[in-house]
Amino acid sequence: QSPVREAIRELEMMGLVENIPYQGCIVRKATKQDMKDAYRVRMYLEMLGIQDAVEGATEAQLKEITKLYHEMEAEAKRNSFNSYTKKNELFHEKIIEISRNKLLIRLWKQSHIQESTFFGTQLSHQSLETLALRHKEMCDAIEARDVNRAKEAVHLHFQELIEELERINITD
């Protein structure tokens, strides 16, 4: 029973289930507003992360980010949904890790980024190649070590996701 209780608590913390006292748990339906809120929080977490990453990345770390971007692009060209979303997640995660901000890393991981990446990609009407291309400016700005350009690229990336979400017809 303990592992099951722990799993349910974890799902509840992720916002995927709702625990109703004396009745049990139900699967919580994610709304468009939930997705928009998640994107906005991610945007600000990642703007802080990219600022610290640009300022402190080693040459090896810069190459790793570029490599992840190219791998994501390749998976998109192959139209490999699961591999693309994993590379997308790793790209963003690497930026956060390079920041070396332990609290930021913990908050980012607690935000369950992989779920919003997966669902956001699944809901998008854009091709995987178009979605991958949205990461190029972030990659280029990091390589150029341009903090303002990098932060603006993250902001634009998430604004585009939020705007696209607004156009998608899903029920709240």
N, C-alpha and C. Protein backbone atom coordinates (compact mmCIF):
# COMPACT_ATOMS: atom_id res chain seq x y z
N GLN A 1 0.80 -1.20 0.00
CA GLN A 1 0.00 0.00 0.00
C GLN A 1 0.84 1.27 0.00
N SER A 2 1.99 1.23 0.69
CA SER A 2 2.83 2.43 0.75
C SER A 2 3.30 2.90 -0.62
N PRO A 3 3.81 2.00 -1.48
CA PRO A 3 4.22 2.48 -2.81
C PRO A 3 3.07 3.08 -3.62
N VAL A 4 1.88 2.50 -3.45
CA VAL A 4 0.72 3.02 -4.17
C VAL A 4 0.36 4.41 -3.64
N ARG A 5 0.37 4.57 -2.31
CA ARG A 5 0.07 5.88 -1.72
C ARG A 5 1.08 6.93 -2.19
N GLU A 6 2.35 6.54 -2.20
CA GLU A 6 3.40 7.47 -2.65
C GLU A 6 3.19 7.86 -4.11
N ALA A 7 2.84 6.88 -4.94
CA ALA A 7 2.60 7.15 -6.37
C ALA A 7 1.42 8.10 -6.54
N ILE A 8 0.37 7.87 -5.75
CA ILE A 8 -0.81 8.74 -5.84
C ILE A 8 -0.47 10.15 -5.38
N ARG A 9 0.32 10.27 -4.30
CA ARG A 9 0.74 11.60 -3.84
C ARG A 9 1.56 12.32 -4.91
N GLU A 10 2.44 11.57 -5.57
CA GLU A 10 3.25 12.15 -6.63
C GLU A 10 2.37 12.63 -7.79
N LEU A 11 1.39 11.82 -8.18
CA LEU A 11 0.47 12.21 -9.25
C LEU A 11 -0.36 13.43 -8.83
N GLU A 12 -0.71 13.49 -7.55
CA GLU A 12 -1.46 14.64 -7.05
C GLU A 12 -0.60 15.90 -7.08
N MET A 13 0.67 15.78 -6.69
CA MET A 13 1.59 16.92 -6.74
C MET A 13 1.79 17.40 -8.17
N MET A 14 1.76 16.48 -9.13
CA MET A 14 1.91 16.83 -10.53
C MET A 14 0.63 17.47 -11.08
N GLY A 15 -0.46 17.36 -10.32
CA GLY A 15 -1.72 17.93 -10.77
C GLY A 15 -2.49 17.01 -11.70
N LEU A 16 -2.09 15.74 -11.76
CA LEU A 16 -2.75 14.81 -12.67
C LEU A 16 -3.95 14.10 -12.04
N VAL A 17 -3.96 14.00 -10.72
CA VAL A 17 -5.11 13.41 -10.03
C VAL A 17 -5.55 14.36 -8.92
N GLU A 18 -6.80 14.19 -8.54
CA GLU A 18 -7.36 14.99 -7.45
C GLU A 18 -7.88 14.02 -6.40
N ASN A 19 -7.46 14.22 -5.15
CA ASN A 19 -7.86 13.36 -4.06
C ASN A 19 -9.09 13.97 -3.40
N ILE A 20 -10.19 13.26 -3.45
CA ILE A 20 -11.44 13.72 -2.85
C ILE A 20 -11.63 12.93 -1.55
N PRO A 21 -11.62 13.64 -0.41
CA PRO A 21 -11.75 12.94 0.87
C PRO A 21 -12.96 12.01 0.92
N TYR A 22 -12.74 10.82 1.44
CA TYR A 22 -13.75 9.77 1.64
C TYR A 22 -14.33 9.23 0.34
N GLN A 23 -13.77 9.63 -0.79
CA GLN A 23 -14.26 9.12 -2.07
C GLN A 23 -13.16 8.48 -2.89
N GLY A 24 -11.95 9.00 -2.77
CA GLY A 24 -10.84 8.45 -3.54
C GLY A 24 -10.26 9.47 -4.50
N CYS A 25 -9.53 8.97 -5.47
CA CYS A 25 -8.85 9.84 -6.43
C CYS A 25 -9.51 9.75 -7.79
N ILE A 26 -9.52 10.89 -8.48
CA ILE A 26 -10.00 10.92 -9.85
C ILE A 26 -8.93 11.56 -10.72
N VAL A 27 -8.89 11.17 -11.97
CA VAL A 27 -7.95 11.79 -12.91
C VAL A 27 -8.45 13.19 -13.19
N ARG A 28 -7.55 14.15 -13.02
CA ARG A 28 -7.89 15.55 -13.23
C ARG A 28 -7.67 15.90 -14.69
N LYS A 29 -8.62 16.55 -15.28
CA LYS A 29 -8.51 16.97 -16.68
C LYS A 29 -7.72 18.28 -16.75
N ALA A 30 -6.65 18.27 -17.50
CA ALA A 30 -5.86 19.49 -17.68
C ALA A 30 -6.62 20.44 -18.59
N THR A 31 -6.64 21.70 -18.21
CA THR A 31 -7.34 22.71 -19.00
C THR A 31 -6.34 23.52 -19.81
N LYS A 32 -6.87 24.29 -20.73
CA LYS A 32 -6.04 25.20 -21.51
C LYS A 32 -5.34 26.20 -20.59
N GLN A 33 -6.06 26.65 -19.56
CA GLN A 33 -5.47 27.60 -18.61
C GLN A 33 -4.31 26.94 -17.84
N ASP A 34 -4.45 25.67 -17.50
CA ASP A 34 -3.35 24.94 -16.83
C ASP A 34 -2.10 24.95 -17.71
N MET A 35 -2.30 24.69 -18.99
CA MET A 35 -1.17 24.66 -19.93
C MET A 35 -0.54 26.06 -20.05
N LYS A 36 -1.37 27.09 -20.18
CA LYS A 36 -0.85 28.45 -20.28
C LYS A 36 -0.07 28.82 -19.02
N ASP A 37 -0.61 28.48 -17.86
CA ASP A 37 0.08 28.76 -16.61
C ASP A 37 1.42 28.05 -16.56
N ALA A 38 1.45 26.79 -16.98
CA ALA A 38 2.70 26.01 -16.99
C ALA A 38 3.73 26.65 -17.92
N TYR A 39 3.29 27.07 -19.09
CA TYR A 39 4.21 27.72 -20.03
C TYR A 39 4.76 29.03 -19.46
N ARG A 40 3.91 29.81 -18.81
CA ARG A 40 4.37 31.09 -18.25
C ARG A 40 5.40 30.86 -17.15
N VAL A 41 5.15 29.89 -16.28
CA VAL A 41 6.10 29.60 -15.22
C VAL A 41 7.41 29.10 -15.81
N ARG A 42 7.31 28.18 -16.77
CA ARG A 42 8.51 27.68 -17.45
C ARG A 42 9.29 28.81 -18.10
N MET A 43 8.57 29.74 -18.73
CA MET A 43 9.23 30.84 -19.43
C MET A 43 10.14 31.61 -18.47
N TYR A 44 9.62 31.94 -17.30
CA TYR A 44 10.42 32.73 -16.36
C TYR A 44 11.53 31.90 -15.72
N LEU A 45 11.26 30.65 -15.43
CA LEU A 45 12.33 29.78 -14.91
C LEU A 45 13.45 29.66 -15.94
N GLU A 46 13.08 29.46 -17.19
CA GLU A 46 14.08 29.25 -18.23
C GLU A 46 14.78 30.55 -18.64
N MET A 47 14.13 31.69 -18.46
CA MET A 47 14.81 32.97 -18.72
C MET A 47 15.93 33.16 -17.69
N LEU A 48 15.67 32.82 -16.45
CA LEU A 48 16.71 32.88 -15.43
C LEU A 48 17.81 31.86 -15.73
N GLY A 49 17.39 30.65 -16.08
CA GLY A 49 18.36 29.59 -16.39
C GLY A 49 19.26 29.94 -17.56
N ILE A 50 18.67 30.49 -18.61
CA ILE A 50 19.47 30.78 -19.80
C ILE A 50 20.43 31.94 -19.53
N GLN A 51 20.01 32.88 -18.70
CA GLN A 51 20.91 33.98 -18.34
C GLN A 51 22.14 33.43 -17.63
N ASP A 52 21.93 32.59 -16.63
CA ASP A 52 23.06 32.01 -15.90
C ASP A 52 23.89 31.08 -16.79
N ALA A 53 23.22 30.35 -17.68
CA ALA A 53 23.93 29.43 -18.58
C ALA A 53 24.83 30.20 -19.54
N VAL A 54 24.31 31.27 -20.13
CA VAL A 54 25.10 32.08 -21.06
C VAL A 54 26.33 32.64 -20.36
N GLU A 55 26.14 33.11 -19.15
CA GLU A 55 27.24 33.73 -18.43
C GLU A 55 28.27 32.72 -17.92
N GLY A 56 27.86 31.47 -17.69
CA GLY A 56 28.78 30.53 -17.06
C GLY A 56 29.11 29.27 -17.83
N ALA A 57 28.58 29.11 -19.02
CA ALA A 57 28.80 27.87 -19.77
C ALA A 57 30.24 27.73 -20.23
N THR A 58 30.76 26.51 -20.13
CA THR A 58 32.07 26.21 -20.69
C THR A 58 31.91 25.94 -22.18
N GLU A 59 33.02 25.90 -22.89
CA GLU A 59 32.96 25.58 -24.32
C GLU A 59 32.37 24.20 -24.55
N ALA A 60 32.70 23.25 -23.69
CA ALA A 60 32.16 21.89 -23.82
C ALA A 60 30.64 21.89 -23.63
N GLN A 61 30.15 22.69 -22.68
CA GLN A 61 28.71 22.78 -22.45
C GLN A 61 28.00 23.44 -23.62
N LEU A 62 28.63 24.44 -24.20
CA LEU A 62 28.06 25.09 -25.39
C LEU A 62 27.92 24.07 -26.52
N LYS A 63 28.94 23.26 -26.70
CA LYS A 63 28.90 22.23 -27.75
C LYS A 63 27.81 21.20 -27.46
N GLU A 64 27.62 20.89 -26.19
CA GLU A 64 26.59 19.91 -25.83
C GLU A 64 25.19 20.45 -26.14
N ILE A 65 24.95 21.72 -25.86
CA ILE A 65 23.65 22.33 -26.18
C ILE A 65 23.42 22.31 -27.69
N THR A 66 24.45 22.69 -28.44
CA THR A 66 24.34 22.68 -29.90
C THR A 66 24.08 21.27 -30.41
N LYS A 67 24.78 20.31 -29.84
CA LYS A 67 24.59 18.90 -30.24
C LYS A 67 23.15 18.46 -29.97
N LEU A 68 22.63 18.81 -28.80
CA LEU A 68 21.25 18.44 -28.48
C LEU A 68 20.26 19.10 -29.44
N TYR A 69 20.53 20.36 -29.80
CA TYR A 69 19.65 21.03 -30.76
C TYR A 69 19.65 20.28 -32.09
N HIS A 70 20.83 19.91 -32.58
CA HIS A 70 20.91 19.20 -33.86
C HIS A 70 20.28 17.81 -33.79
N GLU A 71 20.41 17.15 -32.66
CA GLU A 71 19.75 15.85 -32.49
C GLU A 71 18.23 16.02 -32.48
N MET A 72 17.74 17.07 -31.82
CA MET A 72 16.30 17.35 -31.80
C MET A 72 15.81 17.62 -33.23
N GLU A 73 16.57 18.40 -33.96
CA GLU A 73 16.24 18.72 -35.35
C GLU A 73 16.19 17.45 -36.20
N ALA A 74 17.14 16.56 -35.99
CA ALA A 74 17.19 15.30 -36.75
C ALA A 74 15.98 14.42 -36.44
N GLU A 75 15.62 14.35 -35.17
CA GLU A 75 14.44 13.55 -34.78
C GLU A 75 13.18 14.15 -35.38
N ALA A 76 13.12 15.47 -35.44
CA ALA A 76 11.96 16.14 -36.04
C ALA A 76 11.87 15.80 -37.53
N LYS A 77 13.02 15.82 -38.21
CA LYS A 77 13.03 15.50 -39.65
C LYS A 77 12.59 14.06 -39.89
N ARG A 78 12.90 13.17 -38.95
CA ARG A 78 12.47 11.77 -39.05
C ARG A 78 11.01 11.61 -38.62
N ASN A 79 10.43 12.70 -38.11
CA ASN A 79 9.06 12.69 -37.60
C ASN A 79 8.88 11.67 -36.48
N SER A 80 9.91 11.55 -35.67
CA SER A 80 9.91 10.63 -34.54
C SER A 80 9.44 11.37 -33.29
N PHE A 81 8.15 11.31 -33.03
CA PHE A 81 7.52 12.11 -31.99
C PHE A 81 8.17 11.90 -30.62
N ASN A 82 8.26 10.66 -30.16
CA ASN A 82 8.80 10.39 -28.82
C ASN A 82 10.26 10.81 -28.69
N SER A 83 11.06 10.51 -29.70
CA SER A 83 12.47 10.90 -29.66
C SER A 83 12.62 12.41 -29.72
N TYR A 84 11.79 13.06 -30.53
CA TYR A 84 11.83 14.52 -30.61
C TYR A 84 11.51 15.14 -29.26
N THR A 85 10.42 14.70 -28.61
CA THR A 85 10.04 15.31 -27.34
C THR A 85 11.11 15.06 -26.27
N LYS A 86 11.76 13.91 -26.32
CA LYS A 86 12.83 13.63 -25.36
C LYS A 86 14.02 14.57 -25.58
N LYS A 87 14.42 14.76 -26.84
CA LYS A 87 15.53 15.67 -27.15
C LYS A 87 15.17 17.11 -26.79
N ASN A 88 13.92 17.49 -27.02
CA ASN A 88 13.43 18.82 -26.66
C ASN A 88 13.58 19.01 -25.15
N GLU A 89 13.10 18.05 -24.39
CA GLU A 89 13.21 18.10 -22.94
C GLU A 89 14.67 18.19 -22.49
N LEU A 90 15.55 17.37 -23.10
CA LEU A 90 16.97 17.37 -22.74
C LEU A 90 17.64 18.70 -23.06
N PHE A 91 17.25 19.31 -24.17
CA PHE A 91 17.79 20.61 -24.56
C PHE A 91 17.51 21.65 -23.48
N HIS A 92 16.24 21.74 -23.07
CA HIS A 92 15.86 22.70 -22.04
C HIS A 92 16.51 22.34 -20.69
N GLU A 93 16.53 21.07 -20.38
CA GLU A 93 17.12 20.62 -19.12
C GLU A 93 18.61 20.96 -19.04
N LYS A 94 19.31 20.80 -20.14
CA LYS A 94 20.75 21.11 -20.17
C LYS A 94 20.97 22.58 -19.87
N ILE A 95 20.17 23.44 -20.43
CA ILE A 95 20.30 24.88 -20.16
C ILE A 95 20.12 25.15 -18.67
N ILE A 96 19.10 24.54 -18.08
CA ILE A 96 18.84 24.73 -16.65
C ILE A 96 20.00 24.17 -15.82
N GLU A 97 20.50 23.01 -16.18
CA GLU A 97 21.61 22.40 -15.44
C GLU A 97 22.87 23.26 -15.49
N ILE A 98 23.15 23.83 -16.64
CA ILE A 98 24.35 24.65 -16.81
C ILE A 98 24.29 25.90 -15.93
N SER A 99 23.09 26.32 -15.58
CA SER A 99 22.94 27.50 -14.73
C SER A 99 23.59 27.31 -13.36
N ARG A 100 23.70 26.08 -12.93
CA ARG A 100 24.27 25.71 -11.63
C ARG A 100 23.50 26.33 -10.46
N ASN A 101 22.27 26.75 -10.71
CA ASN A 101 21.42 27.31 -9.67
C ASN A 101 20.60 26.14 -9.11
N LYS A 102 21.00 25.66 -7.93
CA LYS A 102 20.39 24.45 -7.38
C LYS A 102 18.90 24.59 -7.12
N LEU A 103 18.47 25.73 -6.63
CA LEU A 103 17.04 25.93 -6.40
C LEU A 103 16.28 25.95 -7.72
N LEU A 104 16.82 26.63 -8.71
CA LEU A 104 16.18 26.68 -10.02
C LEU A 104 16.07 25.27 -10.61
N ILE A 105 17.13 24.50 -10.53
CA ILE A 105 17.11 23.14 -11.05
C ILE A 105 16.02 22.32 -10.36
N ARG A 106 15.94 22.43 -9.04
CA ARG A 106 14.94 21.68 -8.28
C ARG A 106 13.53 22.12 -8.67
N LEU A 107 13.29 23.44 -8.76
CA LEU A 107 11.96 23.93 -9.15
C LEU A 107 11.59 23.50 -10.57
N TRP A 108 12.56 23.55 -11.46
CA TRP A 108 12.32 23.16 -12.85
C TRP A 108 11.91 21.69 -12.91
N LYS A 109 12.64 20.85 -12.17
CA LYS A 109 12.32 19.41 -12.17
C LYS A 109 10.98 19.15 -11.50
N GLN A 110 10.65 19.89 -10.45
CA GLN A 110 9.36 19.71 -9.77
C GLN A 110 8.20 20.18 -10.64
N SER A 111 8.49 20.98 -11.64
CA SER A 111 7.44 21.47 -12.53
C SER A 111 7.02 20.43 -13.56
N HIS A 112 7.68 19.29 -13.57
CA HIS A 112 7.35 18.18 -14.48
C HIS A 112 7.28 18.65 -15.93
N ILE A 113 8.40 19.19 -16.34
CA ILE A 113 8.52 19.77 -17.68
C ILE A 113 8.22 18.75 -18.77
N GLN A 114 8.65 17.50 -18.57
CA GLN A 114 8.46 16.50 -19.62
C GLN A 114 6.99 16.32 -19.98
N GLU A 115 6.09 16.43 -19.00
CA GLU A 115 4.67 16.29 -19.32
C GLU A 115 4.18 17.45 -20.18
N SER A 116 4.55 18.68 -19.82
CA SER A 116 4.07 19.82 -20.62
C SER A 116 4.69 19.81 -22.01
N THR A 117 5.94 19.34 -22.12
CA THR A 117 6.57 19.22 -23.44
C THR A 117 5.82 18.20 -24.29
N PHE A 118 5.53 17.05 -23.70
CA PHE A 118 4.84 15.98 -24.43
C PHE A 118 3.45 16.44 -24.86
N PHE A 119 2.66 16.95 -23.91
CA PHE A 119 1.28 17.35 -24.24
C PHE A 119 1.24 18.55 -25.18
N GLY A 120 2.14 19.51 -24.95
CA GLY A 120 2.18 20.67 -25.83
C GLY A 120 2.51 20.30 -27.26
N THR A 121 3.46 19.38 -27.42
CA THR A 121 3.84 18.92 -28.76
C THR A 121 2.70 18.15 -29.40
N GLN A 122 2.04 17.34 -28.59
CA GLN A 122 0.92 16.55 -29.10
C GLN A 122 -0.24 17.44 -29.55
N LEU A 123 -0.48 18.53 -28.85
CA LEU A 123 -1.58 19.43 -29.20
C LEU A 123 -1.27 20.35 -30.38
N SER A 124 0.01 20.56 -30.63
CA SER A 124 0.41 21.52 -31.65
C SER A 124 -0.01 21.08 -33.05
N HIS A 125 -0.37 22.07 -33.85
CA HIS A 125 -0.69 21.81 -35.26
C HIS A 125 0.54 22.03 -36.14
N GLN A 126 1.66 22.44 -35.53
CA GLN A 126 2.90 22.68 -36.27
C GLN A 126 3.61 21.35 -36.50
N SER A 127 4.42 21.30 -37.54
CA SER A 127 5.24 20.11 -37.78
C SER A 127 6.34 20.06 -36.73
N LEU A 128 6.88 18.87 -36.51
CA LEU A 128 7.99 18.74 -35.56
C LEU A 128 9.18 19.58 -36.01
N GLU A 129 9.40 19.67 -37.32
CA GLU A 129 10.51 20.47 -37.84
C GLU A 129 10.33 21.95 -37.49
N THR A 130 9.10 22.45 -37.60
CA THR A 130 8.82 23.83 -37.25
C THR A 130 9.03 24.05 -35.75
N LEU A 131 8.58 23.09 -34.95
CA LEU A 131 8.76 23.19 -33.51
C LEU A 131 10.24 23.15 -33.13
N ALA A 132 11.01 22.32 -33.79
CA ALA A 132 12.45 22.24 -33.51
C ALA A 132 13.13 23.56 -33.87
N LEU A 133 12.74 24.13 -34.99
CA LEU A 133 13.34 25.38 -35.45
C LEU A 133 13.15 26.52 -34.44
N ARG A 134 12.10 26.45 -33.64
CA ARG A 134 11.86 27.47 -32.61
C ARG A 134 12.98 27.53 -31.57
N HIS A 135 13.79 26.49 -31.52
CA HIS A 135 14.88 26.43 -30.53
C HIS A 135 16.19 26.99 -31.08
N LYS A 136 16.24 27.22 -32.38
CA LYS A 136 17.50 27.65 -33.01
C LYS A 136 17.99 28.99 -32.46
N GLU A 137 17.11 29.94 -32.29
CA GLU A 137 17.53 31.26 -31.80
C GLU A 137 18.09 31.16 -30.38
N MET A 138 17.49 30.29 -29.55
CA MET A 138 18.04 30.09 -28.21
C MET A 138 19.45 29.53 -28.30
N CYS A 139 19.62 28.54 -29.14
CA CYS A 139 20.93 27.90 -29.32
C CYS A 139 21.95 28.91 -29.84
N ASP A 140 21.58 29.67 -30.86
CA ASP A 140 22.48 30.68 -31.44
C ASP A 140 22.86 31.76 -30.42
N ALA A 141 21.89 32.20 -29.62
CA ALA A 141 22.15 33.25 -28.63
C ALA A 141 23.09 32.75 -27.53
N ILE A 142 22.93 31.49 -27.15
CA ILE A 142 23.83 30.92 -26.14
C ILE A 142 25.24 30.83 -26.71
N GLU A 143 25.36 30.34 -27.95
CA GLU A 143 26.68 30.24 -28.59
C GLU A 143 27.34 31.61 -28.70
N ALA A 144 26.54 32.64 -28.96
CA ALA A 144 27.06 34.01 -29.09
C ALA A 144 27.31 34.65 -27.71
N ARG A 145 26.90 33.97 -26.66
CA ARG A 145 27.01 34.47 -25.28
C ARG A 145 26.36 35.84 -25.13
N ASP A 146 25.19 35.96 -25.74
CA ASP A 146 24.42 37.20 -25.70
C ASP A 146 23.23 36.99 -24.76
N VAL A 147 23.36 37.47 -23.53
CA VAL A 147 22.35 37.25 -22.49
C VAL A 147 21.00 37.82 -22.89
N ASN A 148 20.96 39.06 -23.34
CA ASN A 148 19.68 39.69 -23.69
C ASN A 148 19.00 38.97 -24.84
N ARG A 149 19.76 38.62 -25.85
CA ARG A 149 19.21 37.89 -26.99
C ARG A 149 18.70 36.52 -26.55
N ALA A 150 19.42 35.85 -25.65
CA ALA A 150 19.02 34.53 -25.18
C ALA A 150 17.72 34.61 -24.38
N LYS A 151 17.63 35.59 -23.48
CA LYS A 151 16.41 35.75 -22.69
C LYS A 151 15.22 36.09 -23.58
N GLU A 152 15.46 36.94 -24.57
CA GLU A 152 14.40 37.29 -25.52
C GLU A 152 13.97 36.07 -26.33
N ALA A 153 14.92 35.22 -26.69
CA ALA A 153 14.60 34.00 -27.45
C ALA A 153 13.73 33.06 -26.63
N VAL A 154 14.03 32.93 -25.34
CA VAL A 154 13.20 32.09 -24.47
C VAL A 154 11.80 32.69 -24.36
N HIS A 155 11.73 34.00 -24.15
CA HIS A 155 10.43 34.68 -24.04
C HIS A 155 9.61 34.46 -25.30
N LEU A 156 10.22 34.69 -26.44
CA LEU A 156 9.52 34.51 -27.72
C LEU A 156 9.07 33.06 -27.91
N HIS A 157 9.94 32.12 -27.56
CA HIS A 157 9.63 30.69 -27.69
C HIS A 157 8.34 30.36 -26.94
N PHE A 158 8.25 30.79 -25.70
CA PHE A 158 7.07 30.46 -24.90
C PHE A 158 5.86 31.30 -25.29
N GLN A 159 6.08 32.53 -25.72
CA GLN A 159 4.95 33.34 -26.20
C GLN A 159 4.31 32.67 -27.42
N GLU A 160 5.13 32.14 -28.31
CA GLU A 160 4.60 31.44 -29.48
C GLU A 160 3.79 30.21 -29.06
N LEU A 161 4.30 29.48 -28.07
CA LEU A 161 3.57 28.31 -27.58
C LEU A 161 2.23 28.71 -26.96
N ILE A 162 2.24 29.77 -26.18
CA ILE A 162 1.01 30.25 -25.54
C ILE A 162 0.02 30.73 -26.60
N GLU A 163 0.50 31.49 -27.59
CA GLU A 163 -0.39 31.98 -28.65
C GLU A 163 -0.97 30.82 -29.45
N GLU A 164 -0.15 29.83 -29.72
CA GLU A 164 -0.66 28.67 -30.46
C GLU A 164 -1.71 27.94 -29.63
N LEU A 165 -1.46 27.82 -28.34
CA LEU A 165 -2.43 27.19 -27.45
C LEU A 165 -3.77 27.91 -27.49
N GLU A 166 -3.72 29.23 -27.58
CA GLU A 166 -4.96 30.02 -27.66
C GLU A 166 -5.76 29.67 -28.91
N ARG A 167 -5.07 29.34 -29.99
CA ARG A 167 -5.75 29.04 -31.26
C ARG A 167 -6.28 27.61 -31.32
N ILE A 168 -5.77 26.75 -30.46
CA ILE A 168 -6.18 25.34 -30.48
C ILE A 168 -7.54 25.22 -29.81
N ASN A 169 -8.40 24.45 -30.46
CA ASN A 169 -9.75 24.27 -29.92
C ASN A 169 -9.78 23.05 -29.00
N ILE A 170 -9.54 23.32 -27.71
CA ILE A 170 -9.70 22.28 -26.68
C ILE A 170 -10.63 22.83 -25.63
N THR A 171 -11.38 21.95 -25.02
CA THR A 171 -12.33 22.41 -24.01
C THR A 171 -11.62 22.62 -22.68
N ASP A 172 -12.04 23.66 -21.97
CA ASP A 172 -11.50 23.95 -20.63
C ASP A 172 -12.22 23.17 -19.57
